[in-house]
Amino acid sequence: MKNKAPLSKPVTDWVKVTGVIDWEMCGYYPSYWEYVKALHTVGPKSEFNDWWSFLPASIGVWPKEYAVDQLISRWWG
């Protein structure tokens, strides 16, 4: 059965698969999510602590959400 639509070419004609995306962590996350999770990667006393000074300017500041996330991590960590 042929589809007559002009843009209905088979994907294999023009796309080459070069990788696979891991969808395990995909989904909707609230605005504060990147800030909170990015701060988990580097502590304020590490050699890369300048991360903490650049991060707020790039994605915003969420101190209350970060504090709650820290508590959750300690309780259920």
PDB file of N, CA and C in Angstrom:
ATOM      1  N   MET A   1       0.843  -1.183   0.000  1.00  0.00           N
ATOM      2  CA  MET A   1       0.000   0.000   0.000  1.00  0.00           C
ATOM      3  C   MET A   1       0.888   1.245   0.000  1.00  0.00           C
ATOM      4  N   LYS A   2       0.676   2.140  -0.925  1.00  0.00           N
ATOM      5  CA  LYS A   2       1.486   3.355  -1.030  1.00  0.00           C
ATOM      6  C   LYS A   2       0.729   4.555  -0.485  1.00  0.00           C
ATOM      7  N   ASN A   3       1.441   5.378   0.232  1.00  0.00           N
ATOM      8  CA  ASN A   3       0.885   6.623   0.740  1.00  0.00           C
ATOM      9  C   ASN A   3       1.189   7.705  -0.287  1.00  0.00           C
ATOM     10  N   LYS A   4       0.206   8.465  -0.687  1.00  0.00           N
ATOM     11  CA  LYS A   4       0.366   9.464  -1.750  1.00  0.00           C
ATOM     12  C   LYS A   4       0.870  10.824  -1.247  1.00  0.00           C
ATOM     13  N   ALA A   5       0.979  11.014   0.044  1.00  0.00           N
ATOM     14  CA  ALA A   5       1.435  12.303   0.580  1.00  0.00           C
ATOM     15  C   ALA A   5       2.877  12.559   0.152  1.00  0.00           C
ATOM     16  N   PRO A   6       3.217  13.798  -0.250  1.00  0.00           N
ATOM     17  CA  PRO A   6       4.564  14.089  -0.754  1.00  0.00           C
ATOM     18  C   PRO A   6       5.678  13.949   0.291  1.00  0.00           C
ATOM     19  N   LEU A   7       5.371  14.124   1.556  1.00  0.00           N
ATOM     20  CA  LEU A   7       6.403  14.043   2.587  1.00  0.00           C
ATOM     21  C   LEU A   7       6.444  12.689   3.283  1.00  0.00           C
ATOM     22  N   SER A   8       5.815  11.705   2.726  1.00  0.00           N
ATOM     23  CA  SER A   8       5.756  10.413   3.405  1.00  0.00           C
ATOM     24  C   SER A   8       6.795   9.435   2.867  1.00  0.00           C
ATOM     25  N   LYS A   9       8.035   9.898   2.758  1.00  0.00           N
ATOM     26  CA  LYS A   9       9.118   9.007   2.352  1.00  0.00           C
ATOM     27  C   LYS A   9       9.470   8.109   3.531  1.00  0.00           C
ATOM     28  N   PRO A  10       9.880   6.917   3.286  1.00  0.00           N
ATOM     29  CA  PRO A  10      10.342   6.061   4.391  1.00  0.00           C
ATOM     30  C   PRO A  10      11.547   6.702   5.077  1.00  0.00           C
ATOM     31  N   VAL A  11      11.605   6.582   6.360  1.00  0.00           N
ATOM     32  CA  VAL A  11      12.683   7.194   7.135  1.00  0.00           C
ATOM     33  C   VAL A  11      14.047   6.684   6.682  1.00  0.00           C
ATOM     34  N   THR A  12      14.121   5.445   6.295  1.00  0.00           N
ATOM     35  CA  THR A  12      15.411   4.868   5.917  1.00  0.00           C
ATOM     36  C   THR A  12      16.016   5.515   4.681  1.00  0.00           C
ATOM     37  N   ASP A  13      15.253   6.273   3.919  1.00  0.00           N
ATOM     38  CA  ASP A  13      15.789   6.948   2.736  1.00  0.00           C
ATOM     39  C   ASP A  13      16.676   8.145   3.080  1.00  0.00           C
ATOM     40  N   TRP A  14      16.460   8.768   4.215  1.00  0.00           N
ATOM     41  CA  TRP A  14      17.196   9.995   4.484  1.00  0.00           C
ATOM     42  C   TRP A  14      17.761  10.125   5.898  1.00  0.00           C
ATOM     43  N   VAL A  15      17.589   9.122   6.734  1.00  0.00           N
ATOM     44  CA  VAL A  15      18.091   9.199   8.102  1.00  0.00           C
ATOM     45  C   VAL A  15      19.032   8.038   8.375  1.00  0.00           C
ATOM     46  N   LYS A  16      20.153   8.356   8.999  1.00  0.00           N
ATOM     47  CA  LYS A  16      21.085   7.321   9.421  1.00  0.00           C
ATOM     48  C   LYS A  16      21.122   7.354  10.947  1.00  0.00           C
ATOM     49  N   VAL A  17      20.815   6.253  11.583  1.00  0.00           N
ATOM     50  CA  VAL A  17      20.828   6.185  13.042  1.00  0.00           C
ATOM     51  C   VAL A  17      22.283   6.181  13.497  1.00  0.00           C
ATOM     52  N   THR A  18      22.634   7.160  14.317  1.00  0.00           N
ATOM     53  CA  THR A  18      24.013   7.264  14.800  1.00  0.00           C
ATOM     54  C   THR A  18      24.126   7.014  16.291  1.00  0.00           C
ATOM     55  N   GLY A  19      23.004   6.893  16.967  1.00  0.00           N
ATOM     56  CA  GLY A  19      23.024   6.642  18.396  1.00  0.00           C
ATOM     57  C   GLY A  19      21.626   6.392  18.908  1.00  0.00           C
ATOM     58  N   VAL A  20      21.555   5.979  20.154  1.00  0.00           N
ATOM     59  CA  VAL A  20      20.271   5.707  20.788  1.00  0.00           C
ATOM     60  C   VAL A  20      20.194   6.542  22.059  1.00  0.00           C
ATOM     61  N   ILE A  21      19.079   7.201  22.265  1.00  0.00           N
ATOM     62  CA  ILE A  21      18.872   8.017  23.459  1.00  0.00           C
ATOM     63  C   ILE A  21      18.351   7.133  24.573  1.00  0.00           C
ATOM     64  N   ASP A  22      18.913   7.291  25.754  1.00  0.00           N
ATOM     65  CA  ASP A  22      18.438   6.561  26.919  1.00  0.00           C
ATOM     66  C   ASP A  22      17.286   7.356  27.534  1.00  0.00           C
ATOM     67  N   TRP A  23      16.092   6.848  27.426  1.00  0.00           N
ATOM     68  CA  TRP A  23      14.895   7.557  27.879  1.00  0.00           C
ATOM     69  C   TRP A  23      14.553   7.269  29.333  1.00  0.00           C
ATOM     70  N   GLU A  24      15.448   6.613  30.069  1.00  0.00           N
ATOM     71  CA  GLU A  24      15.168   6.232  31.445  1.00  0.00           C
ATOM     72  C   GLU A  24      14.812   7.424  32.337  1.00  0.00           C
ATOM     73  N   MET A  25      15.476   8.549  32.137  1.00  0.00           N
ATOM     74  CA  MET A  25      15.239   9.718  32.980  1.00  0.00           C
ATOM     75  C   MET A  25      14.441  10.809  32.269  1.00  0.00           C
ATOM     76  N   CYS A  26      13.765  10.479  31.193  1.00  0.00           N
ATOM     77  CA  CYS A  26      13.021  11.498  30.456  1.00  0.00           C
ATOM     78  C   CYS A  26      11.714  11.831  31.168  1.00  0.00           C
ATOM     79  N   GLY A  27      11.152  12.948  30.831  1.00  0.00           N
ATOM     80  CA  GLY A  27       9.880  13.337  31.400  1.00  0.00           C
ATOM     81  C   GLY A  27       9.845  14.813  31.708  1.00  0.00           C
ATOM     82  N   TYR A  28       8.770  15.240  32.324  1.00  0.00           N
ATOM     83  CA  TYR A  28       8.634  16.638  32.717  1.00  0.00           C
ATOM     84  C   TYR A  28       9.264  16.813  34.094  1.00  0.00           C
ATOM     85  N   TYR A  29      10.074  17.807  34.223  1.00  0.00           N
ATOM     86  CA  TYR A  29      10.646  18.138  35.516  1.00  0.00           C
ATOM     87  C   TYR A  29      10.353  19.607  35.799  1.00  0.00           C
ATOM     88  N   PRO A  30      10.099  19.958  37.066  1.00  0.00           N
ATOM     89  CA  PRO A  30       9.806  21.352  37.403  1.00  0.00           C
ATOM     90  C   PRO A  30      11.019  22.251  37.144  1.00  0.00           C
ATOM     91  N   SER A  31      10.784  23.537  37.138  1.00  0.00           N
ATOM     92  CA  SER A  31      11.824  24.522  36.808  1.00  0.00           C
ATOM     93  C   SER A  31      13.064  24.402  37.692  1.00  0.00           C
ATOM     94  N   TYR A  32      12.885  24.072  38.946  1.00  0.00           N
ATOM     95  CA  TYR A  32      14.016  24.013  39.868  1.00  0.00           C
ATOM     96  C   TYR A  32      14.863  22.759  39.710  1.00  0.00           C
ATOM     97  N   TRP A  33      14.422  21.768  38.973  1.00  0.00           N
ATOM     98  CA  TRP A  33      15.064  20.449  38.918  1.00  0.00           C
ATOM     99  C   TRP A  33      16.538  20.517  38.510  1.00  0.00           C
ATOM    100  N   GLU A  34      16.845  21.245  37.449  1.00  0.00           N
ATOM    101  CA  GLU A  34      18.234  21.305  36.982  1.00  0.00           C
ATOM    102  C   GLU A  34      19.143  21.945  38.026  1.00  0.00           C
ATOM    103  N   TYR A  35      18.671  22.996  38.669  1.00  0.00           N
ATOM    104  CA  TYR A  35      19.469  23.655  39.704  1.00  0.00           C
ATOM    105  C   TYR A  35      19.759  22.692  40.849  1.00  0.00           C
ATOM    106  N   VAL A  36      18.722  22.064  41.356  1.00  0.00           N
ATOM    107  CA  VAL A  36      18.855  21.160  42.499  1.00  0.00           C
ATOM    108  C   VAL A  36      19.769  19.983  42.170  1.00  0.00           C
ATOM    109  N   LYS A  37      19.567  19.352  41.037  1.00  0.00           N
ATOM    110  CA  LYS A  37      20.354  18.171  40.686  1.00  0.00           C
ATOM    111  C   LYS A  37      21.774  18.530  40.258  1.00  0.00           C
ATOM    112  N   ALA A  38      21.958  19.704  39.667  1.00  0.00           N
ATOM    113  CA  ALA A  38      23.309  20.116  39.277  1.00  0.00           C
ATOM    114  C   ALA A  38      24.181  20.354  40.503  1.00  0.00           C
ATOM    115  N   LEU A  39      23.590  20.842  41.582  1.00  0.00           N
ATOM    116  CA  LEU A  39      24.365  21.085  42.792  1.00  0.00           C
ATOM    117  C   LEU A  39      24.750  19.791  43.500  1.00  0.00           C
ATOM    118  N   HIS A  40      24.115  18.693  43.160  1.00  0.00           N
ATOM    119  CA  HIS A  40      24.503  17.401  43.728  1.00  0.00           C
ATOM    120  C   HIS A  40      25.818  16.905  43.138  1.00  0.00           C
ATOM    121  N   THR A  41      26.198  17.397  41.984  1.00  0.00           N
ATOM    122  CA  THR A  41      27.379  16.878  41.303  1.00  0.00           C
ATOM    123  C   THR A  41      28.684  17.372  41.904  1.00  0.00           C
ATOM    124  N   VAL A  42      28.696  18.601  42.396  1.00  0.00           N
ATOM    125  CA  VAL A  42      29.919  19.197  42.927  1.00  0.00           C
ATOM    126  C   VAL A  42      29.592  19.904  44.230  1.00  0.00           C
ATOM    127  N   GLY A  43      30.312  19.585  45.274  1.00  0.00           N
ATOM    128  CA  GLY A  43      30.095  20.230  46.557  1.00  0.00           C
ATOM    129  C   GLY A  43      30.756  21.599  46.618  1.00  0.00           C
ATOM    130  N   PRO A  44      30.320  22.441  47.555  1.00  0.00           N
ATOM    131  CA  PRO A  44      30.864  23.801  47.646  1.00  0.00           C
ATOM    132  C   PRO A  44      32.337  23.830  48.058  1.00  0.00           C
ATOM    133  N   LYS A  45      32.862  22.742  48.605  1.00  0.00           N
ATOM    134  CA  LYS A  45      34.258  22.717  49.059  1.00  0.00           C
ATOM    135  C   LYS A  45      35.171  21.934  48.122  1.00  0.00           C
ATOM    136  N   SER A  46      34.683  21.554  46.966  1.00  0.00           N
ATOM    137  CA  SER A  46      35.523  20.807  46.028  1.00  0.00           C
ATOM    138  C   SER A  46      36.390  21.766  45.219  1.00  0.00           C
ATOM    139  N   GLU A  47      37.325  21.212  44.463  1.00  0.00           N
ATOM    140  CA  GLU A  47      38.191  22.063  43.642  1.00  0.00           C
ATOM    141  C   GLU A  47      37.434  22.727  42.496  1.00  0.00           C
ATOM    142  N   PHE A  48      36.236  22.235  42.198  1.00  0.00           N
ATOM    143  CA  PHE A  48      35.422  22.800  41.125  1.00  0.00           C
ATOM    144  C   PHE A  48      34.298  23.674  41.682  1.00  0.00           C
ATOM    145  N   ASN A  49      34.513  24.312  42.823  1.00  0.00           N
ATOM    146  CA  ASN A  49      33.442  25.058  43.484  1.00  0.00           C
ATOM    147  C   ASN A  49      33.003  26.305  42.729  1.00  0.00           C
ATOM    148  N   ASP A  50      33.707  26.709  41.672  1.00  0.00           N
ATOM    149  CA  ASP A  50      33.237  27.856  40.893  1.00  0.00           C
ATOM    150  C   ASP A  50      31.925  27.539  40.180  1.00  0.00           C
ATOM    151  N   TRP A  51      31.618  26.252  40.048  1.00  0.00           N
ATOM    152  CA  TRP A  51      30.343  25.805  39.472  1.00  0.00           C
ATOM    153  C   TRP A  51      29.186  26.460  40.217  1.00  0.00           C
ATOM    154  N   TRP A  52      29.304  26.569  41.524  1.00  0.00           N
ATOM    155  CA  TRP A  52      28.238  27.140  42.343  1.00  0.00           C
ATOM    156  C   TRP A  52      28.027  28.622  42.044  1.00  0.00           C
ATOM    157  N   SER A  53      29.053  29.316  41.602  1.00  0.00           N
ATOM    158  CA  SER A  53      28.879  30.739  41.302  1.00  0.00           C
ATOM    159  C   SER A  53      28.336  30.980  39.893  1.00  0.00           C
ATOM    160  N   PHE A  54      28.591  30.072  38.958  1.00  0.00           N
ATOM    161  CA  PHE A  54      28.086  30.229  37.594  1.00  0.00           C
ATOM    162  C   PHE A  54      26.664  29.709  37.425  1.00  0.00           C
ATOM    163  N   LEU A  55      26.310  28.727  38.177  1.00  0.00           N
ATOM    164  CA  LEU A  55      25.022  28.065  38.002  1.00  0.00           C
ATOM    165  C   LEU A  55      23.816  28.982  38.178  1.00  0.00           C
ATOM    166  N   PRO A  56      23.701  29.753  39.252  1.00  0.00           N
ATOM    167  CA  PRO A  56      22.510  30.597  39.414  1.00  0.00           C
ATOM    168  C   PRO A  56      22.259  31.541  38.254  1.00  0.00           C
ATOM    169  N   ALA A  57      23.299  32.118  37.711  1.00  0.00           N
ATOM    170  CA  ALA A  57      23.116  33.058  36.599  1.00  0.00           C
ATOM    171  C   ALA A  57      22.583  32.369  35.352  1.00  0.00           C
ATOM    172  N   SER A  58      22.888  31.104  35.214  1.00  0.00           N
ATOM    173  CA  SER A  58      22.479  30.416  33.991  1.00  0.00           C
ATOM    174  C   SER A  58      21.103  29.768  34.083  1.00  0.00           C
ATOM    175  N   ILE A  59      20.718  29.261  35.259  1.00  0.00           N
ATOM    176  CA  ILE A  59      19.413  28.575  35.322  1.00  0.00           C
ATOM    177  C   ILE A  59      18.519  29.021  36.469  1.00  0.00           C
ATOM    178  N   GLY A  60      18.918  30.017  37.228  1.00  0.00           N
ATOM    179  CA  GLY A  60      18.075  30.510  38.309  1.00  0.00           C
ATOM    180  C   GLY A  60      18.484  29.955  39.663  1.00  0.00           C
ATOM    181  N   VAL A  61      17.875  30.496  40.708  1.00  0.00           N
ATOM    182  CA  VAL A  61      18.191  30.100  42.079  1.00  0.00           C
ATOM    183  C   VAL A  61      16.934  29.554  42.741  1.00  0.00           C
ATOM    184  N   TRP A  62      17.060  28.429  43.388  1.00  0.00           N
ATOM    185  CA  TRP A  62      15.931  27.766  44.041  1.00  0.00           C
ATOM    186  C   TRP A  62      16.372  27.277  45.426  1.00  0.00           C
ATOM    187  N   PRO A  63      16.651  28.175  46.386  1.00  0.00           N
ATOM    188  CA  PRO A  63      17.203  27.751  47.677  1.00  0.00           C
ATOM    189  C   PRO A  63      16.270  26.877  48.513  1.00  0.00           C
ATOM    190  N   LYS A  64      14.985  27.171  48.534  1.00  0.00           N
ATOM    191  CA  LYS A  64      14.052  26.358  49.327  1.00  0.00           C
ATOM    192  C   LYS A  64      13.949  24.949  48.765  1.00  0.00           C
ATOM    193  N   GLU A  65      13.845  24.860  47.458  1.00  0.00           N
ATOM    194  CA  GLU A  65      13.731  23.555  46.815  1.00  0.00           C
ATOM    195  C   GLU A  65      15.007  22.741  47.015  1.00  0.00           C
ATOM    196  N   TYR A  66      16.154  23.429  46.978  1.00  0.00           N
ATOM    197  CA  TYR A  66      17.431  22.754  47.207  1.00  0.00           C
ATOM    198  C   TYR A  66      17.500  22.210  48.633  1.00  0.00           C
ATOM    199  N   ALA A  67      17.055  23.008  49.605  1.00  0.00           N
ATOM    200  CA  ALA A  67      17.064  22.569  51.005  1.00  0.00           C
ATOM    201  C   ALA A  67      16.176  21.346  51.203  1.00  0.00           C
ATOM    202  N   VAL A  68      14.996  21.365  50.615  1.00  0.00           N
ATOM    203  CA  VAL A  68      14.087  20.215  50.725  1.00  0.00           C
ATOM    204  C   VAL A  68      14.699  18.990  50.065  1.00  0.00           C
ATOM    205  N   ASP A  69      15.310  19.170  48.916  1.00  0.00           N
ATOM    206  CA  ASP A  69      15.943  18.047  48.230  1.00  0.00           C
ATOM    207  C   ASP A  69      17.094  17.468  49.057  1.00  0.00           C
ATOM    208  N   GLN A  70      17.833  18.330  49.744  1.00  0.00           N
ATOM    209  CA  GLN A  70      18.907  17.859  50.619  1.00  0.00           C
ATOM    210  C   GLN A  70      18.349  17.013  51.765  1.00  0.00           C
ATOM    211  N   LEU A  71      17.243  17.458  52.344  1.00  0.00           N
ATOM    212  CA  LEU A  71      16.614  16.677  53.413  1.00  0.00           C
ATOM    213  C   LEU A  71      16.144  15.319  52.906  1.00  0.00           C
ATOM    214  N   ILE A  72      15.517  15.315  51.760  1.00  0.00           N
ATOM    215  CA  ILE A  72      15.043  14.059  51.175  1.00  0.00           C
ATOM    216  C   ILE A  72      16.219  13.125  50.912  1.00  0.00           C
ATOM    217  N   SER A  73      17.309  13.663  50.400  1.00  0.00           N
ATOM    218  CA  SER A  73      18.488  12.840  50.122  1.00  0.00           C
ATOM    219  C   SER A  73      19.070  12.248  51.399  1.00  0.00           C
ATOM    220  N   ARG A  74      19.053  13.010  52.475  1.00  0.00           N
ATOM    221  CA  ARG A  74      19.581  12.494  53.747  1.00  0.00           C
ATOM    222  C   ARG A  74      18.673  11.424  54.340  1.00  0.00           C
ATOM    223  N   TRP A  75      17.362  11.625  54.230  1.00  0.00           N
ATOM    224  CA  TRP A  75      16.426  10.661  54.801  1.00  0.00           C
ATOM    225  C   TRP A  75      16.363   9.367  54.002  1.00  0.00           C
ATOM    226  N   TRP A  76      16.282   9.502  52.681  1.00  0.00           N
ATOM    227  CA  TRP A  76      16.074   8.319  51.844  1.00  0.00           C
ATOM    228  C   TRP A  76      17.245   8.031  50.916  1.00  0.00           C
ATOM    229  N   GLY A  77      18.278   8.854  50.993  1.00  0.00           N
ATOM    230  CA  GLY A  77      19.455   8.877  50.213  1.00  0.00           C
ATOM    231  C   GLY A  77      19.926   7.801  49.422  1.00  0.00           C
TER     232      GLY A  77
END
